[in-house]
Amino acid sequence: MQIAYRARDITEAHIVAGLLKANGIESHVGGHYLQGAMGEIGAAGFSNVHVEDEDLYPARQLVAEYEASGRVTQAPQRNDNKPNSYARWFLVAVASLALIWLNLR
């Protein structure tokens, strides 16, 4: 078996495996047990879609068409720092209250 596709995560690997299966190419998704190596954080780059040697070229063609169609999308990037700014203000307020309380004693 050969690697036809290196996925970002296990979900993407299964989507590509389903695409291949719908087109008559049997595949195997590897990397299930490696996903939990980092706990609840989704580890990237450990999921691969394997196909038989004779199916490698057609599988890679299908994957290339799939990616070119724009169906593989990147996760939206969050540029807002609202949670971080709220945490900073909360810590400043707690520190200020602690200093005031220590000065009053």
PDB file of N, CA and C in Angstrom:
ATOM      1  N   MET A   1       0.846  -1.181   0.000  1.00  0.00           N
ATOM      2  CA  MET A   1       0.000   0.000   0.000  1.00  0.00           C
ATOM      3  C   MET A   1       0.884   1.234   0.000  1.00  0.00           C
ATOM      4  N   GLN A   2       0.363   2.266  -0.619  1.00  0.00           N
ATOM      5  CA  GLN A   2       1.092   3.520  -0.720  1.00  0.00           C
ATOM      6  C   GLN A   2       0.222   4.660  -0.199  1.00  0.00           C
ATOM      7  N   ILE A   3       0.873   5.729   0.232  1.00  0.00           N
ATOM      8  CA  ILE A   3       0.140   6.890   0.733  1.00  0.00           C
ATOM      9  C   ILE A   3      -0.339   7.714  -0.457  1.00  0.00           C
ATOM     10  N   ALA A   4      -1.641   7.831  -0.574  1.00  0.00           N
ATOM     11  CA  ALA A   4      -2.227   8.622  -1.651  1.00  0.00           C
ATOM     12  C   ALA A   4      -2.480  10.056  -1.208  1.00  0.00           C
ATOM     13  N   TYR A   5      -2.647  10.264   0.107  1.00  0.00           N
ATOM     14  CA  TYR A   5      -2.974  11.598   0.603  1.00  0.00           C
ATOM     15  C   TYR A   5      -2.546  11.723   2.054  1.00  0.00           C
ATOM     16  N   ARG A   6      -1.924  12.841   2.383  1.00  0.00           N
ATOM     17  CA  ARG A   6      -1.554  13.159   3.770  1.00  0.00           C
ATOM     18  C   ARG A   6      -2.515  14.244   4.247  1.00  0.00           C
ATOM     19  N   ALA A   7      -3.356  13.867   5.169  1.00  0.00           N
ATOM     20  CA  ALA A   7      -4.418  14.775   5.627  1.00  0.00           C
ATOM     21  C   ALA A   7      -3.955  15.592   6.822  1.00  0.00           C
ATOM     22  N   ARG A   8      -4.639  16.721   7.041  1.00  0.00           N
ATOM     23  CA  ARG A   8      -4.363  17.550   8.220  1.00  0.00           C
ATOM     24  C   ARG A   8      -4.861  16.890   9.491  1.00  0.00           C
ATOM     25  N   ASP A   9      -5.997  16.211   9.392  1.00  0.00           N
ATOM     26  CA  ASP A   9      -6.558  15.543  10.563  1.00  0.00           C
ATOM     27  C   ASP A   9      -7.346  14.322  10.118  1.00  0.00           C
ATOM     28  N   ILE A  10      -7.824  13.562  11.078  1.00  0.00           N
ATOM     29  CA  ILE A  10      -8.487  12.294  10.793  1.00  0.00           C
ATOM     30  C   ILE A  10      -9.806  12.496  10.044  1.00  0.00           C
ATOM     31  N   THR A  11     -10.480  13.586  10.311  1.00  0.00           N
ATOM     32  CA  THR A  11     -11.753  13.870   9.629  1.00  0.00           C
ATOM     33  C   THR A  11     -11.526  14.088   8.142  1.00  0.00           C
ATOM     34  N   GLU A  12     -10.528  14.895   7.813  1.00  0.00           N
ATOM     35  CA  GLU A  12     -10.213  15.138   6.407  1.00  0.00           C
ATOM     36  C   GLU A  12      -9.799  13.846   5.714  1.00  0.00           C
ATOM     37  N   ALA A  13      -9.046  12.999   6.405  1.00  0.00           N
ATOM     38  CA  ALA A  13      -8.620  11.727   5.824  1.00  0.00           C
ATOM     39  C   ALA A  13      -9.827  10.860   5.481  1.00  0.00           C
ATOM     40  N   HIS A  14     -10.827  10.844   6.355  1.00  0.00           N
ATOM     41  CA  HIS A  14     -12.022  10.044   6.074  1.00  0.00           C
ATOM     42  C   HIS A  14     -12.858  10.641   4.944  1.00  0.00           C
ATOM     43  N   ILE A  15     -12.853  11.946   4.807  1.00  0.00           N
ATOM     44  CA  ILE A  15     -13.573  12.568   3.682  1.00  0.00           C
ATOM     45  C   ILE A  15     -12.938  12.141   2.366  1.00  0.00           C
ATOM     46  N   VAL A  16     -11.610  12.198   2.305  1.00  0.00           N
ATOM     47  CA  VAL A  16     -10.909  11.804   1.078  1.00  0.00           C
ATOM     48  C   VAL A  16     -11.087  10.305   0.832  1.00  0.00           C
ATOM     49  N   ALA A  17     -11.051   9.487   1.886  1.00  0.00           N
ATOM     50  CA  ALA A  17     -11.264   8.047   1.721  1.00  0.00           C
ATOM     51  C   ALA A  17     -12.665   7.768   1.176  1.00  0.00           C
ATOM     52  N   GLY A  18     -13.646   8.530   1.631  1.00  0.00           N
ATOM     53  CA  GLY A  18     -15.000   8.379   1.108  1.00  0.00           C
ATOM     54  C   GLY A  18     -15.095   8.764  -0.355  1.00  0.00           C
ATOM     55  N   LEU A  19     -14.382   9.818  -0.735  1.00  0.00           N
ATOM     56  CA  LEU A  19     -14.331  10.225  -2.146  1.00  0.00           C
ATOM     57  C   LEU A  19     -13.744   9.105  -2.992  1.00  0.00           C
ATOM     58  N   LEU A  20     -12.658   8.514  -2.513  1.00  0.00           N
ATOM     59  CA  LEU A  20     -12.028   7.426  -3.265  1.00  0.00           C
ATOM     60  C   LEU A  20     -12.948   6.215  -3.368  1.00  0.00           C
ATOM     61  N   LYS A  21     -13.596   5.878  -2.264  1.00  0.00           N
ATOM     62  CA  LYS A  21     -14.502   4.727  -2.273  1.00  0.00           C
ATOM     63  C   LYS A  21     -15.672   4.953  -3.223  1.00  0.00           C
ATOM     64  N   ALA A  22     -16.188   6.179  -3.271  1.00  0.00           N
ATOM     65  CA  ALA A  22     -17.295   6.507  -4.183  1.00  0.00           C
ATOM     66  C   ALA A  22     -16.874   6.358  -5.639  1.00  0.00           C
ATOM     67  N   ASN A  23     -15.575   6.424  -5.890  1.00  0.00           N
ATOM     68  CA  ASN A  23     -15.063   6.272  -7.243  1.00  0.00           C
ATOM     69  C   ASN A  23     -14.440   4.899  -7.471  1.00  0.00           C
ATOM     70  N   GLY A  24     -14.738   3.943  -6.599  1.00  0.00           N
ATOM     71  CA  GLY A  24     -14.319   2.564  -6.806  1.00  0.00           C
ATOM     72  C   GLY A  24     -12.910   2.230  -6.369  1.00  0.00           C
ATOM     73  N   ILE A  25     -12.297   3.066  -5.566  1.00  0.00           N
ATOM     74  CA  ILE A  25     -10.929   2.812  -5.092  1.00  0.00           C
ATOM     75  C   ILE A  25     -10.986   2.515  -3.600  1.00  0.00           C
ATOM     76  N   GLU A  26     -10.568   1.312  -3.227  1.00  0.00           N
ATOM     77  CA  GLU A  26     -10.528   0.941  -1.817  1.00  0.00           C
ATOM     78  C   GLU A  26      -9.348   1.641  -1.149  1.00  0.00           C
ATOM     79  N   SER A  27      -9.575   2.121   0.057  1.00  0.00           N
ATOM     80  CA  SER A  27      -8.516   2.844   0.769  1.00  0.00           C
ATOM     81  C   SER A  27      -8.552   2.484   2.250  1.00  0.00           C
ATOM     82  N   HIS A  28      -7.476   2.857   2.914  1.00  0.00           N
ATOM     83  CA  HIS A  28      -7.353   2.638   4.357  1.00  0.00           C
ATOM     84  C   HIS A  28      -6.850   3.922   4.985  1.00  0.00           C
ATOM     85  N   VAL A  29      -7.512   4.361   6.059  1.00  0.00           N
ATOM     86  CA  VAL A  29      -7.086   5.562   6.774  1.00  0.00           C
ATOM     87  C   VAL A  29      -6.222   5.129   7.938  1.00  0.00           C
ATOM     88  N   GLY A  30      -5.007   5.635   7.977  1.00  0.00           N
ATOM     89  CA  GLY A  30      -4.082   5.324   9.056  1.00  0.00           C
ATOM     90  C   GLY A  30      -3.867   6.539   9.940  1.00  0.00           C
ATOM     91  N   GLY A  31      -3.465   6.302  11.173  1.00  0.00           N
ATOM     92  CA  GLY A  31      -3.154   7.391  12.085  1.00  0.00           C
ATOM     93  C   GLY A  31      -4.186   7.626  13.159  1.00  0.00           C
ATOM     94  N   HIS A  32      -5.136   6.706  13.313  1.00  0.00           N
ATOM     95  CA  HIS A  32      -6.180   6.885  14.328  1.00  0.00           C
ATOM     96  C   HIS A  32      -5.591   6.988  15.728  1.00  0.00           C
ATOM     97  N   TYR A  33      -4.662   6.117  16.049  1.00  0.00           N
ATOM     98  CA  TYR A  33      -4.128   6.075  17.406  1.00  0.00           C
ATOM     99  C   TYR A  33      -3.128   7.175  17.674  1.00  0.00           C
ATOM    100  N   LEU A  34      -2.586   7.758  16.639  1.00  0.00           N
ATOM    101  CA  LEU A  34      -1.642   8.857  16.821  1.00  0.00           C
ATOM    102  C   LEU A  34      -2.353  10.161  17.135  1.00  0.00           C
ATOM    103  N   GLN A  35      -3.626  10.261  16.827  1.00  0.00           N
ATOM    104  CA  GLN A  35      -4.381  11.480  17.073  1.00  0.00           C
ATOM    105  C   GLN A  35      -4.465  11.795  18.551  1.00  0.00           C
ATOM    106  N   GLY A  36      -4.534  10.790  19.410  1.00  0.00           N
ATOM    107  CA  GLY A  36      -4.679  11.014  20.838  1.00  0.00           C
ATOM    108  C   GLY A  36      -3.357  11.275  21.538  1.00  0.00           C
ATOM    109  N   ALA A  37      -2.270  11.298  20.802  1.00  0.00           N
ATOM    110  CA  ALA A  37      -0.961  11.487  21.418  1.00  0.00           C
ATOM    111  C   ALA A  37      -0.843  12.844  22.089  1.00  0.00           C
ATOM    112  N   MET A  38      -1.619  13.802  21.635  1.00  0.00           N
ATOM    113  CA  MET A  38      -1.551  15.143  22.200  1.00  0.00           C
ATOM    114  C   MET A  38      -2.797  15.464  23.012  1.00  0.00           C
ATOM    115  N   GLY A  39      -3.507  14.456  23.449  1.00  0.00           N
ATOM    116  CA  GLY A  39      -4.688  14.691  24.274  1.00  0.00           C
ATOM    117  C   GLY A  39      -5.860  15.183  23.451  1.00  0.00           C
ATOM    118  N   GLU A  40      -6.566  16.179  23.956  1.00  0.00           N
ATOM    119  CA  GLU A  40      -7.759  16.690  23.290  1.00  0.00           C
ATOM    120  C   GLU A  40      -7.429  17.587  22.098  1.00  0.00           C
ATOM    121  N   ILE A  41      -6.193  18.008  21.995  1.00  0.00           N
ATOM    122  CA  ILE A  41      -5.800  18.871  20.881  1.00  0.00           C
ATOM    123  C   ILE A  41      -5.726  18.021  19.625  1.00  0.00           C
ATOM    124  N   GLY A  42      -6.303  18.500  18.538  1.00  0.00           N
ATOM    125  CA  GLY A  42      -6.255  17.775  17.283  1.00  0.00           C
ATOM    126  C   GLY A  42      -4.859  17.816  16.687  1.00  0.00           C
ATOM    127  N   ALA A  43      -4.174  16.707  16.739  1.00  0.00           N
ATOM    128  CA  ALA A  43      -2.828  16.645  16.175  1.00  0.00           C
ATOM    129  C   ALA A  43      -2.917  16.633  14.663  1.00  0.00           C
ATOM    130  N   ALA A  44      -2.071  17.366  14.022  1.00  0.00           N
ATOM    131  CA  ALA A  44      -2.119  17.491  12.565  1.00  0.00           C
ATOM    132  C   ALA A  44      -0.978  16.725  11.929  1.00  0.00           C
ATOM    133  N   GLY A  45      -1.229  16.217  10.741  1.00  0.00           N
ATOM    134  CA  GLY A  45      -0.184  15.607   9.955  1.00  0.00           C
ATOM    135  C   GLY A  45       0.062  14.132  10.214  1.00  0.00           C
ATOM    136  N   PHE A  46      -0.744  13.484  11.042  1.00  0.00           N
ATOM    137  CA  PHE A  46      -0.534  12.080  11.340  1.00  0.00           C
ATOM    138  C   PHE A  46      -1.484  11.173  10.572  1.00  0.00           C
ATOM    139  N   SER A  47      -2.441  11.721   9.879  1.00  0.00           N
ATOM    140  CA  SER A  47      -3.456  10.922   9.202  1.00  0.00           C
ATOM    141  C   SER A  47      -3.111  10.790   7.724  1.00  0.00           C
ATOM    142  N   ASN A  48      -3.072   9.556   7.273  1.00  0.00           N
ATOM    143  CA  ASN A  48      -2.763   9.289   5.875  1.00  0.00           C
ATOM    144  C   ASN A  48      -3.826   8.390   5.282  1.00  0.00           C
ATOM    145  N   VAL A  49      -4.053   8.558   3.982  1.00  0.00           N
ATOM    146  CA  VAL A  49      -4.968   7.690   3.247  1.00  0.00           C
ATOM    147  C   VAL A  49      -4.106   6.797   2.360  1.00  0.00           C
ATOM    148  N   HIS A  50      -4.200   5.493   2.585  1.00  0.00           N
ATOM    149  CA  HIS A  50      -3.407   4.512   1.844  1.00  0.00           C
ATOM    150  C   HIS A  50      -4.276   3.820   0.812  1.00  0.00           C
ATOM    151  N   VAL A  51      -3.683   3.530  -0.341  1.00  0.00           N
ATOM    152  CA  VAL A  51      -4.360   2.774  -1.395  1.00  0.00           C
ATOM    153  C   VAL A  51      -3.399   1.704  -1.900  1.00  0.00           C
ATOM    154  N   GLU A  52      -3.944   0.749  -2.621  1.00  0.00           N
ATOM    155  CA  GLU A  52      -3.112  -0.281  -3.243  1.00  0.00           C
ATOM    156  C   GLU A  52      -2.208   0.362  -4.293  1.00  0.00           C
ATOM    157  N   ASP A  53      -1.092  -0.297  -4.568  1.00  0.00           N
ATOM    158  CA  ASP A  53      -0.098   0.259  -5.497  1.00  0.00           C
ATOM    159  C   ASP A  53      -0.694   0.589  -6.863  1.00  0.00           C
ATOM    160  N   GLU A  54      -1.535  -0.298  -7.386  1.00  0.00           N
ATOM    161  CA  GLU A  54      -2.094  -0.070  -8.726  1.00  0.00           C
ATOM    162  C   GLU A  54      -3.135   1.054  -8.747  1.00  0.00           C
ATOM    163  N   ASP A  55      -3.648   1.447  -7.586  1.00  0.00           N
ATOM    164  CA  ASP A  55      -4.647   2.516  -7.512  1.00  0.00           C
ATOM    165  C   ASP A  55      -4.036   3.875  -7.165  1.00  0.00           C
ATOM    166  N   LEU A  56      -2.738   3.936  -6.988  1.00  0.00           N
ATOM    167  CA  LEU A  56      -2.102   5.164  -6.534  1.00  0.00           C
ATOM    168  C   LEU A  56      -2.309   6.325  -7.510  1.00  0.00           C
ATOM    169  N   TYR A  57      -2.043   6.114  -8.782  1.00  0.00           N
ATOM    170  CA  TYR A  57      -2.154   7.208  -9.754  1.00  0.00           C
ATOM    171  C   TYR A  57      -3.589   7.709  -9.884  1.00  0.00           C
ATOM    172  N   PRO A  58      -4.592   6.825 -10.072  1.00  0.00           N
ATOM    173  CA  PRO A  58      -5.973   7.335 -10.153  1.00  0.00           C
ATOM    174  C   PRO A  58      -6.431   8.010  -8.866  1.00  0.00           C
ATOM    175  N   ALA A  59      -5.973   7.496  -7.716  1.00  0.00           N
ATOM    176  CA  ALA A  59      -6.358   8.108  -6.439  1.00  0.00           C
ATOM    177  C   ALA A  59      -5.787   9.515  -6.333  1.00  0.00           C
ATOM    178  N   ARG A  60      -4.546   9.687  -6.697  1.00  0.00           N
ATOM    179  CA  ARG A  60      -3.937  11.021  -6.624  1.00  0.00           C
ATOM    180  C   ARG A  60      -4.582  11.980  -7.616  1.00  0.00           C
ATOM    181  N   GLN A  61      -5.022  11.482  -8.753  1.00  0.00           N
ATOM    182  CA  GLN A  61      -5.749  12.336  -9.703  1.00  0.00           C
ATOM    183  C   GLN A  61      -7.065  12.809  -9.091  1.00  0.00           C
ATOM    184  N   LEU A  62      -7.801  11.901  -8.467  1.00  0.00           N
ATOM    185  CA  LEU A  62      -9.069  12.279  -7.840  1.00  0.00           C
ATOM    186  C   LEU A  62      -8.847  13.290  -6.718  1.00  0.00           C
ATOM    187  N   VAL A  63      -7.826  13.088  -5.914  1.00  0.00           N
ATOM    188  CA  VAL A  63      -7.531  14.013  -4.827  1.00  0.00           C
ATOM    189  C   VAL A  63      -7.156  15.381  -5.387  1.00  0.00           C
ATOM    190  N   ALA A  64      -6.374  15.398  -6.454  1.00  0.00           N
ATOM    191  CA  ALA A  64      -5.983  16.677  -7.069  1.00  0.00           C
ATOM    192  C   ALA A  64      -7.209  17.416  -7.601  1.00  0.00           C
ATOM    193  N   GLU A  65      -8.140  16.697  -8.223  1.00  0.00           N
ATOM    194  CA  GLU A  65      -9.372  17.319  -8.712  1.00  0.00           C
ATOM    195  C   GLU A  65     -10.213  17.844  -7.549  1.00  0.00           C
ATOM    196  N   TYR A  66     -10.260  17.072  -6.486  1.00  0.00           N
ATOM    197  CA  TYR A  66     -11.026  17.467  -5.300  1.00  0.00           C
ATOM    198  C   TYR A  66     -10.463  18.753  -4.697  1.00  0.00           C
ATOM    199  N   GLU A  67      -9.153  18.812  -4.553  1.00  0.00           N
ATOM    200  CA  GLU A  67      -8.529  20.017  -3.998  1.00  0.00           C
ATOM    201  C   GLU A  67      -8.674  21.210  -4.940  1.00  0.00           C
ATOM    202  N   ALA A  68      -8.580  20.961  -6.239  1.00  0.00           N
ATOM    203  CA  ALA A  68      -8.701  22.047  -7.210  1.00  0.00           C
ATOM    204  C   ALA A  68     -10.121  22.614  -7.256  1.00  0.00           C
ATOM    205  N   SER A  69     -11.104  21.785  -6.898  1.00  0.00           N
ATOM    206  CA  SER A  69     -12.487  22.259  -6.942  1.00  0.00           C
ATOM    207  C   SER A  69     -12.792  23.226  -5.810  1.00  0.00           C
ATOM    208  N   GLY A  70     -11.872  23.366  -4.876  1.00  0.00           N
ATOM    209  CA  GLY A  70     -12.066  24.305  -3.786  1.00  0.00           C
ATOM    210  C   GLY A  70     -12.877  23.744  -2.643  1.00  0.00           C
ATOM    211  N   ARG A  71     -13.125  22.460  -2.645  1.00  0.00           N
ATOM    212  CA  ARG A  71     -13.925  21.868  -1.578  1.00  0.00           C
ATOM    213  C   ARG A  71     -13.118  21.665  -0.301  1.00  0.00           C
ATOM    214  N   VAL A  72     -11.811  21.599  -0.418  1.00  0.00           N
ATOM    215  CA  VAL A  72     -10.974  21.519   0.770  1.00  0.00           C
ATOM    216  C   VAL A  72     -10.770  22.943   1.239  1.00  0.00           C
ATOM    217  N   THR A  73     -11.336  23.260   2.372  1.00  0.00           N
ATOM    218  CA  THR A  73     -11.249  24.631   2.868  1.00  0.00           C
ATOM    219  C   THR A  73     -10.415  24.685   4.125  1.00  0.00           C
ATOM    220  N   GLN A  74      -9.758  25.789   4.309  1.00  0.00           N
ATOM    221  CA  GLN A  74      -8.993  26.014   5.518  1.00  0.00           C
ATOM    222  C   GLN A  74      -9.955  26.449   6.623  1.00  0.00           C
ATOM    223  N   ALA A  75      -9.622  26.099   7.824  1.00  0.00           N
ATOM    224  CA  ALA A  75     -10.422  26.560   8.952  1.00  0.00           C
ATOM    225  C   ALA A  75     -10.308  28.072   9.031  1.00  0.00           C
ATOM    226  N   PRO A  76     -11.398  28.766   9.329  1.00  0.00           N
ATOM    227  CA  PRO A  76     -11.328  30.224   9.398  1.00  0.00           C
ATOM    228  C   PRO A  76     -10.366  30.663  10.502  1.00  0.00           C
ATOM    229  N   GLN A  77      -9.549  31.627  10.171  1.00  0.00           N
ATOM    230  CA  GLN A  77      -8.588  32.152  11.123  1.00  0.00           C
ATOM    231  C   GLN A  77      -9.256  33.216  11.972  1.00  0.00           C
ATOM    232  N   ARG A  78      -9.086  33.095  13.285  1.00  0.00           N
ATOM    233  CA  ARG A  78      -9.657  34.087  14.189  1.00  0.00           C
ATOM    234  C   ARG A  78      -8.611  35.143  14.461  1.00  0.00           C
ATOM    235  N   ASN A  79      -8.920  36.359  14.100  1.00  0.00           N
ATOM    236  CA  ASN A  79      -7.994  37.456  14.323  1.00  0.00           C
ATOM    237  C   ASN A  79      -8.354  38.277  15.547  1.00  0.00           C
ATOM    238  N   ASP A  80      -9.532  38.035  16.086  1.00  0.00           N
ATOM    239  CA  ASP A  80      -9.926  38.830  17.242  1.00  0.00           C
ATOM    240  C   ASP A  80      -9.276  38.251  18.494  1.00  0.00           C
ATOM    241  N   ASN A  81      -8.839  39.131  19.353  1.00  0.00           N
ATOM    242  CA  ASN A  81      -8.199  38.716  20.604  1.00  0.00           C
ATOM    243  C   ASN A  81      -9.122  38.968  21.788  1.00  0.00           C
ATOM    244  N   LYS A  82     -10.411  38.923  21.571  1.00  0.00           N
ATOM    245  CA  LYS A  82     -11.347  39.225  22.644  1.00  0.00           C
ATOM    246  C   LYS A  82     -11.180  38.318  23.859  1.00  0.00           C
ATOM    247  N   PRO A  83     -11.102  36.990  23.690  1.00  0.00           N
ATOM    248  CA  PRO A  83     -10.919  36.177  24.900  1.00  0.00           C
ATOM    249  C   PRO A  83      -9.633  36.528  25.638  1.00  0.00           C
ATOM    250  N   ASN A  84      -8.566  36.778  24.907  1.00  0.00           N
ATOM    251  CA  ASN A  84      -7.307  37.134  25.548  1.00  0.00           C
ATOM    252  C   ASN A  84      -7.398  38.503  26.222  1.00  0.00           C
ATOM    253  N   SER A  85      -8.054  39.464  25.587  1.00  0.00           N
ATOM    254  CA  SER A  85      -8.146  40.788  26.190  1.00  0.00           C
ATOM    255  C   SER A  85      -9.037  40.751  27.437  1.00  0.00           C
ATOM    256  N   TYR A  86     -10.097  39.943  27.417  1.00  0.00           N
ATOM    257  CA  TYR A  86     -10.928  39.800  28.608  1.00  0.00           C
ATOM    258  C   TYR A  86     -10.124  39.182  29.751  1.00  0.00           C
ATOM    259  N   ALA A  87      -9.335  38.186  29.435  1.00  0.00           N
ATOM    260  CA  ALA A  87      -8.516  37.537  30.468  1.00  0.00           C
ATOM    261  C   ALA A  87      -7.497  38.515  31.038  1.00  0.00           C
ATOM    262  N   ARG A  88      -6.908  39.322  30.173  1.00  0.00           N
ATOM    263  CA  ARG A  88      -5.931  40.309  30.662  1.00  0.00           C
ATOM    264  C   ARG A  88      -6.589  41.311  31.601  1.00  0.00           C
ATOM    265  N   TRP A  89      -7.750  41.824  31.204  1.00  0.00           N
ATOM    266  CA  TRP A  89      -8.441  42.795  32.063  1.00  0.00           C
ATOM    267  C   TRP A  89      -8.867  42.167  33.381  1.00  0.00           C
ATOM    268  N   PHE A  90      -9.294  40.926  33.323  1.00  0.00           N
ATOM    269  CA  PHE A  90      -9.680  40.229  34.549  1.00  0.00           C
ATOM    270  C   PHE A  90      -8.480  40.089  35.483  1.00  0.00           C
ATOM    271  N   LEU A  91      -7.339  39.701  34.925  1.00  0.00           N
ATOM    272  CA  LEU A  91      -6.134  39.562  35.750  1.00  0.00           C
ATOM    273  C   LEU A  91      -5.679  40.904  36.318  1.00  0.00           C
ATOM    274  N   VAL A  92      -5.788  41.980  35.538  1.00  0.00           N
ATOM    275  CA  VAL A  92      -5.432  43.309  36.029  1.00  0.00           C
ATOM    276  C   VAL A  92      -6.357  43.702  37.177  1.00  0.00           C
ATOM    277  N   ALA A  93      -7.654  43.430  37.017  1.00  0.00           N
ATOM    278  CA  ALA A  93      -8.612  43.773  38.075  1.00  0.00           C
ATOM    279  C   ALA A  93      -8.339  42.964  39.343  1.00  0.00           C
ATOM    280  N   VAL A  94      -8.074  41.678  39.217  1.00  0.00           N
ATOM    281  CA  VAL A  94      -7.795  40.845  40.381  1.00  0.00           C
ATOM    282  C   VAL A  94      -6.515  41.303  41.066  1.00  0.00           C
ATOM    283  N   ALA A  95      -5.484  41.598  40.286  1.00  0.00           N
ATOM    284  CA  ALA A  95      -4.223  42.063  40.867  1.00  0.00           C
ATOM    285  C   ALA A  95      -4.418  43.392  41.584  1.00  0.00           C
ATOM    286  N   SER A  96      -5.200  44.292  40.981  1.00  0.00           N
ATOM    287  CA  SER A  96      -5.460  45.585  41.610  1.00  0.00           C
ATOM    288  C   SER A  96      -6.208  45.410  42.929  1.00  0.00           C
ATOM    289  N   LEU A  97      -7.223  44.583  42.937  1.00  0.00           N
ATOM    290  CA  LEU A  97      -7.977  44.325  44.156  1.00  0.00           C
ATOM    291  C   LEU A  97      -7.098  43.675  45.227  1.00  0.00           C
ATOM    292  N   ALA A  98      -6.204  42.786  44.813  1.00  0.00           N
ATOM    293  CA  ALA A  98      -5.298  42.151  45.769  1.00  0.00           C
ATOM    294  C   ALA A  98      -4.344  43.179  46.380  1.00  0.00           C
ATOM    295  N   LEU A  99      -3.832  44.081  45.563  1.00  0.00           N
ATOM    296  CA  LEU A  99      -2.944  45.130  46.090  1.00  0.00           C
ATOM    297  C   LEU A  99      -3.671  46.057  47.046  1.00  0.00           C
ATOM    298  N   ILE A 100      -4.894  46.424  46.692  1.00  0.00           N
ATOM    299  CA  ILE A 100      -5.687  47.289  47.572  1.00  0.00           C
ATOM    300  C   ILE A 100      -5.966  46.578  48.891  1.00  0.00           C
ATOM    301  N   TRP A 101      -6.321  45.305  48.809  1.00  0.00           N
ATOM    302  CA  TRP A 101      -6.622  44.542  50.013  1.00  0.00           C
ATOM    303  C   TRP A 101      -5.383  44.385  50.893  1.00  0.00           C
ATOM    304  N   LEU A 102      -4.216  44.164  50.282  1.00  0.00           N
ATOM    305  CA  LEU A 102      -2.972  44.030  51.048  1.00  0.00           C
ATOM    306  C   LEU A 102      -2.571  45.360  51.705  1.00  0.00           C
ATOM    307  N   ASN A 103      -2.825  46.485  51.035  1.00  0.00           N
ATOM    308  CA  ASN A 103      -2.489  47.803  51.579  1.00  0.00           C
ATOM    309  C   ASN A 103      -3.423  48.190  52.718  1.00  0.00           C
ATOM    310  N   LEU A 104      -4.644  47.689  52.728  1.00  0.00           N
ATOM    311  CA  LEU A 104      -5.596  48.009  53.770  1.00  0.00           C
ATOM    312  C   LEU A 104      -5.332  47.215  55.050  1.00  0.00           C
ATOM    313  N   ARG A 105      -4.605  46.166  54.985  1.00  0.00           N
ATOM    314  CA  ARG A 105      -4.341  45.333  56.183  1.00  0.00           C
ATOM    315  C   ARG A 105      -3.328  45.922  57.058  1.00  0.00           C
TER     316      ARG A 105
END
